[in-house]
Amino acid sequence: MLRLTELWKNKLSIVALCTQCGLQVAIVQLGGELFYCAPLNAVQWTACIGMGALALPLGWLLRV
């Protein structure tokens, strides 16, 4: 099983993660009519990141 600490040692994984995050922000903020979405404000971004961050520990707890 891949450990989270091992993930950060691989430079390709870091580049892929940063690219994915950057594209997600660009699509939501700039995508507009093309992707049928509206830009988020800071509170909405914080809520989205918080809910996403809870998914990993919650998934871990459900498996234990």
PDB file of N, CA and C in Angstrom:
ATOM      1  N   MET A   1       0.840  -1.182   0.000  1.00  0.00           N
ATOM      2  CA  MET A   1       0.000   0.000   0.000  1.00  0.00           C
ATOM      3  C   MET A   1       0.886   1.247   0.000  1.00  0.00           C
ATOM      4  N   LEU A   2       0.572   2.193  -0.865  1.00  0.00           N
ATOM      5  CA  LEU A   2       1.351   3.424  -0.976  1.00  0.00           C
ATOM      6  C   LEU A   2       1.061   4.332   0.212  1.00  0.00           C
ATOM      7  N   ARG A   3       2.114   4.761   0.876  1.00  0.00           N
ATOM      8  CA  ARG A   3       1.950   5.667   2.016  1.00  0.00           C
ATOM      9  C   ARG A   3       1.995   7.112   1.520  1.00  0.00           C
ATOM     10  N   LEU A   4       1.321   7.979   2.247  1.00  0.00           N
ATOM     11  CA  LEU A   4       1.248   9.381   1.854  1.00  0.00           C
ATOM     12  C   LEU A   4       2.631  10.027   1.831  1.00  0.00           C
ATOM     13  N   THR A   5       3.515   9.625   2.743  1.00  0.00           N
ATOM     14  CA  THR A   5       4.858  10.208   2.768  1.00  0.00           C
ATOM     15  C   THR A   5       5.650   9.821   1.526  1.00  0.00           C
ATOM     16  N   GLU A   6       5.388   8.641   0.985  1.00  0.00           N
ATOM     17  CA  GLU A   6       6.079   8.210  -0.231  1.00  0.00           C
ATOM     18  C   GLU A   6       5.595   8.989  -1.448  1.00  0.00           C
ATOM     19  N   LEU A   7       4.339   9.393  -1.421  1.00  0.00           N
ATOM     20  CA  LEU A   7       3.766  10.139  -2.535  1.00  0.00           C
ATOM     21  C   LEU A   7       4.501  11.460  -2.742  1.00  0.00           C
ATOM     22  N   TRP A   8       4.867  12.136  -1.652  1.00  0.00           N
ATOM     23  CA  TRP A   8       5.518  13.442  -1.748  1.00  0.00           C
ATOM     24  C   TRP A   8       6.978  13.348  -2.162  1.00  0.00           C
ATOM     25  N   LYS A   9       7.557  12.155  -2.191  1.00  0.00           N
ATOM     26  CA  LYS A   9       8.939  11.987  -2.629  1.00  0.00           C
ATOM     27  C   LYS A   9       9.039  11.901  -4.150  1.00  0.00           C
ATOM     28  N   ASN A  10       7.949  11.578  -4.807  1.00  0.00           N
ATOM     29  CA  ASN A  10       7.934  11.428  -6.253  1.00  0.00           C
ATOM     30  C   ASN A  10       7.591  12.771  -6.903  1.00  0.00           C
ATOM     31  N   LYS A  11       8.539  13.332  -7.641  1.00  0.00           N
ATOM     32  CA  LYS A  11       8.339  14.657  -8.242  1.00  0.00           C
ATOM     33  C   LYS A  11       7.230  14.652  -9.288  1.00  0.00           C
ATOM     34  N   LEU A  12       7.068  13.553 -10.007  1.00  0.00           N
ATOM     35  CA  LEU A  12       6.007  13.476 -11.002  1.00  0.00           C
ATOM     36  C   LEU A  12       4.631  13.524 -10.338  1.00  0.00           C
ATOM     37  N   SER A  13       4.501  12.898  -9.186  1.00  0.00           N
ATOM     38  CA  SER A  13       3.231  12.940  -8.450  1.00  0.00           C
ATOM     39  C   SER A  13       2.918  14.360  -7.995  1.00  0.00           C
ATOM     40  N   ILE A  14       3.929  15.069  -7.546  1.00  0.00           N
ATOM     41  CA  ILE A  14       3.735  16.451  -7.094  1.00  0.00           C
ATOM     42  C   ILE A  14       3.313  17.336  -8.264  1.00  0.00           C
ATOM     43  N   VAL A  15       3.978  17.178  -9.408  1.00  0.00           N
ATOM     44  CA  VAL A  15       3.630  17.965 -10.595  1.00  0.00           C
ATOM     45  C   VAL A  15       2.206  17.642 -11.042  1.00  0.00           C
ATOM     46  N   ALA A  16       1.843  16.362 -11.047  1.00  0.00           N
ATOM     47  CA  ALA A  16       0.495  15.963 -11.457  1.00  0.00           C
ATOM     48  C   ALA A  16      -0.559  16.539 -10.518  1.00  0.00           C
ATOM     49  N   LEU A  17      -0.297  16.495  -9.221  1.00  0.00           N
ATOM     50  CA  LEU A  17      -1.249  17.023  -8.242  1.00  0.00           C
ATOM     51  C   LEU A  17      -1.416  18.536  -8.392  1.00  0.00           C
ATOM     52  N   CYS A  18      -0.312  19.248  -8.545  1.00  0.00           N
ATOM     53  CA  CYS A  18      -0.376  20.708  -8.710  1.00  0.00           C
ATOM     54  C   CYS A  18      -1.081  21.087 -10.011  1.00  0.00           C
ATOM     55  N   THR A  19      -0.816  20.343 -11.078  1.00  0.00           N
ATOM     56  CA  THR A  19      -1.477  20.597 -12.356  1.00  0.00           C
ATOM     57  C   THR A  19      -2.975  20.365 -12.241  1.00  0.00           C
ATOM     58  N   GLN A  20      -3.349  19.270 -11.597  1.00  0.00           N
ATOM     59  CA  GLN A  20      -4.765  18.964 -11.407  1.00  0.00           C
ATOM     60  C   GLN A  20      -5.465  20.063 -10.603  1.00  0.00           C
ATOM     61  N   CYS A  21      -4.852  20.502  -9.530  1.00  0.00           N
ATOM     62  CA  CYS A  21      -5.447  21.565  -8.701  1.00  0.00           C
ATOM     63  C   CYS A  21      -5.557  22.869  -9.482  1.00  0.00           C
ATOM     64  N   GLY A  22      -4.514  23.211 -10.205  1.00  0.00           N
ATOM     65  CA  GLY A  22      -4.531  24.438 -10.999  1.00  0.00           C
ATOM     66  C   GLY A  22      -5.601  24.424 -12.079  1.00  0.00           C
ATOM     67  N   LEU A  23      -5.730  23.293 -12.770  1.00  0.00           N
ATOM     68  CA  LEU A  23      -6.762  23.180 -13.795  1.00  0.00           C
ATOM     69  C   LEU A  23      -8.164  23.236 -13.195  1.00  0.00           C
ATOM     70  N   GLN A  24      -8.339  22.622 -12.033  1.00  0.00           N
ATOM     71  CA  GLN A  24      -9.647  22.653 -11.369  1.00  0.00           C
ATOM     72  C   GLN A  24     -10.046  24.088 -11.033  1.00  0.00           C
ATOM     73  N   VAL A  25      -9.113  24.846 -10.478  1.00  0.00           N
ATOM     74  CA  VAL A  25      -9.394  26.246 -10.141  1.00  0.00           C
ATOM     75  C   VAL A  25      -9.683  27.045 -11.411  1.00  0.00           C
ATOM     76  N   ALA A  26      -8.877  26.844 -12.453  1.00  0.00           N
ATOM     77  CA  ALA A  26      -9.072  27.586 -13.698  1.00  0.00           C
ATOM     78  C   ALA A  26     -10.418  27.268 -14.336  1.00  0.00           C
ATOM     79  N   ILE A  27     -10.805  25.993 -14.336  1.00  0.00           N
ATOM     80  CA  ILE A  27     -12.083  25.613 -14.937  1.00  0.00           C
ATOM     81  C   ILE A  27     -13.245  26.235 -14.172  1.00  0.00           C
ATOM     82  N   VAL A  28     -13.179  26.179 -12.852  1.00  0.00           N
ATOM     83  CA  VAL A  28     -14.284  26.726 -12.054  1.00  0.00           C
ATOM     84  C   VAL A  28     -14.330  28.248 -12.158  1.00  0.00           C
ATOM     85  N   GLN A  29     -13.186  28.899 -12.059  1.00  0.00           N
ATOM     86  CA  GLN A  29     -13.166  30.365 -12.045  1.00  0.00           C
ATOM     87  C   GLN A  29     -13.331  30.973 -13.438  1.00  0.00           C
ATOM     88  N   LEU A  30     -12.795  30.305 -14.458  1.00  0.00           N
ATOM     89  CA  LEU A  30     -12.782  30.898 -15.791  1.00  0.00           C
ATOM     90  C   LEU A  30     -13.626  30.139 -16.805  1.00  0.00           C
ATOM     91  N   GLY A  31     -14.057  28.924 -16.464  1.00  0.00           N
ATOM     92  CA  GLY A  31     -14.767  28.059 -17.406  1.00  0.00           C
ATOM     93  C   GLY A  31     -16.094  28.603 -17.875  1.00  0.00           C
ATOM     94  N   GLY A  32     -16.818  29.218 -16.969  1.00  0.00           N
ATOM     95  CA  GLY A  32     -18.074  29.876 -17.306  1.00  0.00           C
ATOM     96  C   GLY A  32     -19.019  29.055 -18.159  1.00  0.00           C
ATOM     97  N   GLU A  33     -19.368  29.604 -19.313  1.00  0.00           N
ATOM     98  CA  GLU A  33     -20.349  28.982 -20.194  1.00  0.00           C
ATOM     99  C   GLU A  33     -19.880  27.645 -20.753  1.00  0.00           C
ATOM    100  N   LEU A  34     -18.600  27.495 -20.974  1.00  0.00           N
ATOM    101  CA  LEU A  34     -18.085  26.259 -21.565  1.00  0.00           C
ATOM    102  C   LEU A  34     -18.347  25.060 -20.670  1.00  0.00           C
ATOM    103  N   PHE A  35     -18.181  25.220 -19.369  1.00  0.00           N
ATOM    104  CA  PHE A  35     -18.365  24.114 -18.430  1.00  0.00           C
ATOM    105  C   PHE A  35     -19.634  24.258 -17.587  1.00  0.00           C
ATOM    106  N   TYR A  36     -20.454  25.243 -17.888  1.00  0.00           N
ATOM    107  CA  TYR A  36     -21.710  25.471 -17.161  1.00  0.00           C
ATOM    108  C   TYR A  36     -21.481  25.595 -15.655  1.00  0.00           C
ATOM    109  N   CYS A  37     -20.580  26.478 -15.276  1.00  0.00           N
ATOM    110  CA  CYS A  37     -20.325  26.700 -13.850  1.00  0.00           C
ATOM    111  C   CYS A  37     -20.124  28.193 -13.594  1.00  0.00           C
ATOM    112  N   ALA A  38     -20.260  28.562 -12.336  1.00  0.00           N
ATOM    113  CA  ALA A  38     -20.074  29.951 -11.919  1.00  0.00           C
ATOM    114  C   ALA A  38     -18.873  30.018 -10.987  1.00  0.00           C
ATOM    115  N   PRO A  39     -18.133  31.115 -11.012  1.00  0.00           N
ATOM    116  CA  PRO A  39     -16.976  31.251 -10.118  1.00  0.00           C
ATOM    117  C   PRO A  39     -17.385  31.167  -8.649  1.00  0.00           C
ATOM    118  N   LEU A  40     -16.484  30.660  -7.822  1.00  0.00           N
ATOM    119  CA  LEU A  40     -16.722  30.555  -6.383  1.00  0.00           C
ATOM    120  C   LEU A  40     -16.037  31.703  -5.659  1.00  0.00           C
ATOM    121  N   ASN A  41     -16.604  32.102  -4.524  1.00  0.00           N
ATOM    122  CA  ASN A  41     -15.933  33.099  -3.693  1.00  0.00           C
ATOM    123  C   ASN A  41     -15.054  32.376  -2.666  1.00  0.00           C
ATOM    124  N   ALA A  42     -14.366  33.126  -1.829  1.00  0.00           N
ATOM    125  CA  ALA A  42     -13.415  32.533  -0.876  1.00  0.00           C
ATOM    126  C   ALA A  42     -14.093  31.597   0.122  1.00  0.00           C
ATOM    127  N   VAL A  43     -15.284  31.957   0.577  1.00  0.00           N
ATOM    128  CA  VAL A  43     -16.005  31.110   1.540  1.00  0.00           C
ATOM    129  C   VAL A  43     -16.380  29.778   0.889  1.00  0.00           C
ATOM    130  N   GLN A  44     -16.833  29.831  -0.352  1.00  0.00           N
ATOM    131  CA  GLN A  44     -17.213  28.607  -1.054  1.00  0.00           C
ATOM    132  C   GLN A  44     -16.000  27.716  -1.320  1.00  0.00           C
ATOM    133  N   TRP A  45     -14.869  28.326  -1.702  1.00  0.00           N
ATOM    134  CA  TRP A  45     -13.650  27.544  -1.913  1.00  0.00           C
ATOM    135  C   TRP A  45     -13.210  26.877  -0.612  1.00  0.00           C
ATOM    136  N   THR A  46     -13.290  27.619   0.489  1.00  0.00           N
ATOM    137  CA  THR A  46     -12.905  27.063   1.792  1.00  0.00           C
ATOM    138  C   THR A  46     -13.794  25.884   2.158  1.00  0.00           C
ATOM    139  N   ALA A  47     -15.085  26.021   1.925  1.00  0.00           N
ATOM    140  CA  ALA A  47     -16.015  24.927   2.219  1.00  0.00           C
ATOM    141  C   ALA A  47     -15.713  23.702   1.358  1.00  0.00           C
ATOM    142  N   CYS A  48     -15.444  23.910   0.088  1.00  0.00           N
ATOM    143  CA  CYS A  48     -15.139  22.792  -0.815  1.00  0.00           C
ATOM    144  C   CYS A  48     -13.858  22.078  -0.413  1.00  0.00           C
ATOM    145  N   ILE A  49     -12.824  22.841  -0.103  1.00  0.00           N
ATOM    146  CA  ILE A  49     -11.548  22.243   0.298  1.00  0.00           C
ATOM    147  C   ILE A  49     -11.697  21.523   1.626  1.00  0.00           C
ATOM    148  N   GLY A  50     -12.444  22.116   2.549  1.00  0.00           N
ATOM    149  CA  GLY A  50     -12.676  21.473   3.844  1.00  0.00           C
ATOM    150  C   GLY A  50     -13.419  20.156   3.717  1.00  0.00           C
ATOM    151  N   MET A  51     -14.484  20.138   2.909  1.00  0.00           N
ATOM    152  CA  MET A  51     -15.234  18.895   2.713  1.00  0.00           C
ATOM    153  C   MET A  51     -14.385  17.841   2.014  1.00  0.00           C
ATOM    154  N   GLY A  52     -13.583  18.273   1.050  1.00  0.00           N
ATOM    155  CA  GLY A  52     -12.698  17.331   0.369  1.00  0.00           C
ATOM    156  C   GLY A  52     -11.636  16.774   1.292  1.00  0.00           C
ATOM    157  N   ALA A  53     -11.116  17.615   2.177  1.00  0.00           N
ATOM    158  CA  ALA A  53     -10.088  17.168   3.125  1.00  0.00           C
ATOM    159  C   ALA A  53     -10.657  16.184   4.139  1.00  0.00           C
ATOM    160  N   LEU A  54     -11.934  16.289   4.441  1.00  0.00           N
ATOM    161  CA  LEU A  54     -12.558  15.357   5.382  1.00  0.00           C
ATOM    162  C   LEU A  54     -12.773  13.970   4.781  1.00  0.00           C
ATOM    163  N   ALA A  55     -12.771  13.870   3.471  1.00  0.00           N
ATOM    164  CA  ALA A  55     -13.048  12.588   2.823  1.00  0.00           C
ATOM    165  C   ALA A  55     -11.987  11.537   3.150  1.00  0.00           C
ATOM    166  N   LEU A  56     -10.725  11.921   3.202  1.00  0.00           N
ATOM    167  CA  LEU A  56      -9.663  10.944   3.475  1.00  0.00           C
ATOM    168  C   LEU A  56      -9.727  10.378   4.884  1.00  0.00           C
ATOM    169  N   PRO A  57      -9.762  11.211   5.930  1.00  0.00           N
ATOM    170  CA  PRO A  57      -9.854  10.619   7.270  1.00  0.00           C
ATOM    171  C   PRO A  57     -11.169   9.883   7.506  1.00  0.00           C
ATOM    172  N   LEU A  58     -12.251  10.366   6.924  1.00  0.00           N
ATOM    173  CA  LEU A  58     -13.528   9.685   7.087  1.00  0.00           C
ATOM    174  C   LEU A  58     -13.492   8.311   6.419  1.00  0.00           C
ATOM    175  N   GLY A  59     -12.923   8.237   5.237  1.00  0.00           N
ATOM    176  CA  GLY A  59     -12.769   6.952   4.555  1.00  0.00           C
ATOM    177  C   GLY A  59     -11.902   5.997   5.352  1.00  0.00           C
ATOM    178  N   TRP A  60     -10.852   6.530   5.952  1.00  0.00           N
ATOM    179  CA  TRP A  60      -9.974   5.700   6.779  1.00  0.00           C
ATOM    180  C   TRP A  60     -10.727   5.166   7.995  1.00  0.00           C
ATOM    181  N   LEU A  61     -11.504   6.028   8.639  1.00  0.00           N
ATOM    182  CA  LEU A  61     -12.277   5.605   9.814  1.00  0.00           C
ATOM    183  C   LEU A  61     -13.320   4.547   9.462  1.00  0.00           C
ATOM    184  N   LEU A  62     -13.930   4.666   8.316  1.00  0.00           N
ATOM    185  CA  LEU A  62     -14.938   3.692   7.915  1.00  0.00           C
ATOM    186  C   LEU A  62     -14.329   2.327   7.609  1.00  0.00           C
ATOM    187  N   ARG A  63     -13.059   2.301   7.216  1.00  0.00           N
ATOM    188  CA  ARG A  63     -12.394   1.031   6.921  1.00  0.00           C
ATOM    189  C   ARG A  63     -11.829   0.356   8.152  1.00  0.00           C
ATOM    190  N   VAL A  64     -11.641   1.099   9.234  1.00  0.00           N
ATOM    191  CA  VAL A  64     -11.040   0.532  10.452  1.00  0.00           C
ATOM    192  C   VAL A  64     -12.043  -0.273  11.224  1.00  0.00           C
TER     193      VAL A  64
END
